[in-house]
Amino acid sequence: MKRVLFISALTVMTLCAAAQNNILTQTLKGTVIDEQSGSVLSNATVLVESSSKAAMTDETGNFKLTGIPIGRQTIKVSYAGYEDAYVQNIEVTSSKEVVLEIKLK
C-alpha cells in the first residue's frame, strides 16, 4: 500500500514539474526606423521589459526576440542620439508571431 502511494505521489510531482516548464511563449520581430527619413537603424537595442529579453537590430534594422511570454508586453527601444521609444500593451498570443515597425525620433 505504501508503495502505491509513493508511486502515485511521485507521478503527480513529475507531472506538476513538467507543466511548469511548458510556459507558452512566442516570437516578436520587427524593424526599427528613423521617423523623419524612414531609414533603418542598425544596432538599436530592443528590450522586453517584463522578461528582460533583449536584442539588437541588424544592418537592415530588423530584430527578432524568441521566448517572449504570452500576454501584454511593453517594448523599449534605445538608440544613441534618439529618444527612447516605448510600445505598450503589445498583445502576444500563442497563435502567431508579433511583427512591429518602431519609429524613433
Protein backbone atom coordinates (compact mmCIF):
# COMPACT_ATOMS: atom_id res chain seq x y z
CA MET A 1 0.00 0.00 0.00
CA LYS A 2 2.81 2.42 0.86
CA ARG A 3 4.48 1.59 -2.42
CA VAL A 4 1.34 2.51 -4.41
CA LEU A 5 1.03 5.83 -2.56
CA PHE A 6 4.71 6.59 -3.11
CA ILE A 7 4.46 5.88 -6.86
CA SER A 8 1.27 7.96 -7.12
CA ALA A 9 2.84 10.89 -5.31
CA LEU A 10 5.97 10.70 -7.45
CA THR A 11 3.88 10.65 -10.63
CA VAL A 12 1.89 13.72 -9.55
CA MET A 13 5.05 15.65 -8.67
CA THR A 14 6.62 14.78 -12.02
CA LEU A 15 3.55 15.94 -13.94
CA CYS A 16 3.42 19.20 -11.98
CA ALA A 17 7.09 19.91 -12.66
CA ALA A 18 6.66 19.19 -16.37
CA ALA A 19 3.64 21.51 -16.57
CA GLN A 20 5.62 24.39 -15.09
CA ASN A 21 8.29 24.07 -17.77
CA ASN A 22 5.76 24.35 -20.61
CA ILE A 23 5.11 28.09 -20.30
CA LEU A 24 3.69 29.39 -23.56
CA THR A 25 5.93 31.78 -25.46
CA GLN A 26 6.02 33.43 -28.86
CA THR A 27 8.37 35.30 -31.19
CA LEU A 28 8.39 39.09 -31.50
CA LYS A 29 10.12 40.63 -34.50
CA GLY A 30 10.18 43.84 -36.46
CA THR A 31 12.10 46.80 -37.82
CA VAL A 32 13.39 49.98 -36.21
CA ILE A 33 13.44 53.08 -38.43
CA ASP A 34 14.10 56.82 -38.24
CA GLU A 35 10.75 58.63 -38.05
CA GLN A 36 11.71 61.50 -40.38
CA SER A 37 13.85 59.88 -43.05
CA GLY A 38 12.45 56.35 -42.93
CA SER A 39 15.97 54.91 -42.95
CA VAL A 40 16.64 51.77 -40.95
CA LEU A 41 18.59 51.95 -37.70
CA SER A 42 21.14 49.22 -37.13
CA ASN A 43 22.43 48.37 -33.65
CA ALA A 44 19.37 49.75 -31.85
CA THR A 45 18.55 47.95 -28.60
CA VAL A 46 15.11 46.34 -28.27
CA LEU A 47 14.10 45.25 -24.74
CA VAL A 48 11.02 43.40 -23.49
CA GLU A 49 10.65 44.96 -20.06
CA SER A 50 8.78 42.16 -18.27
CA SER A 51 11.22 39.42 -19.24
CA SER A 52 14.46 41.43 -19.64
CA LYS A 53 14.96 39.75 -23.03
CA ALA A 54 16.83 41.99 -25.43
CA ALA A 55 18.14 42.07 -28.98
CA MET A 56 19.97 44.44 -31.27
CA THR A 57 18.85 45.33 -34.74
CA ASP A 58 20.92 44.03 -37.63
CA GLU A 59 22.27 46.08 -40.56
CA THR A 60 18.79 46.16 -42.12
CA GLY A 61 17.16 47.43 -38.91
CA ASN A 62 15.49 44.09 -38.16
CA PHE A 63 15.31 42.36 -34.78
CA LYS A 64 13.93 39.05 -33.52
CA LEU A 65 13.17 38.07 -29.94
CA THR A 66 12.18 34.49 -29.13
CA GLY A 67 10.71 33.02 -25.96
CA ILE A 68 8.54 36.03 -25.16
CA PRO A 69 5.86 35.11 -22.59
CA ILE A 70 2.23 35.17 -23.72
CA GLY A 71 0.30 38.25 -22.53
CA ARG A 72 0.58 42.01 -22.75
CA GLN A 73 4.15 43.26 -23.10
CA THR A 74 5.97 46.60 -23.16
CA ILE A 75 8.90 47.13 -25.53
CA LYS A 76 11.62 49.74 -25.03
CA VAL A 77 13.80 50.71 -27.99
CA SER A 78 17.00 52.72 -27.49
CA TYR A 79 19.49 54.17 -29.95
CA ALA A 80 22.23 56.77 -29.41
CA GLY A 81 21.06 60.25 -30.44
CA TYR A 82 17.35 59.31 -30.40
CA GLU A 83 14.60 59.46 -27.79
CA ASP A 84 13.77 56.09 -26.24
CA ALA A 85 10.57 54.66 -27.68
CA TYR A 86 8.08 52.64 -25.64
CA VAL A 87 5.48 50.44 -27.28
CA GLN A 88 2.98 49.44 -24.63
CA ASN A 89 0.25 46.82 -24.38
CA ILE A 90 1.53 44.62 -27.19
CA GLU A 91 -0.71 41.55 -27.16
CA VAL A 92 1.50 38.46 -27.50
CA THR A 93 -0.60 35.36 -28.25
CA SER A 94 0.26 31.76 -28.95
CA SER A 95 -1.43 31.85 -32.36
CA LYS A 96 1.09 33.95 -34.35
CA GLU A 97 4.28 35.99 -34.20
CA VAL A 98 4.05 39.70 -33.44
CA VAL A 99 5.54 41.95 -36.13
CA LEU A 100 6.27 45.61 -35.32
CA GLU A 101 7.60 48.69 -37.06
CA ILE A 102 9.04 51.07 -34.48
CA LYS A 103 9.86 54.68 -35.39
CA LEU A 104 12.40 56.65 -33.36
CA LYS A 105 12.56 60.44 -33.06
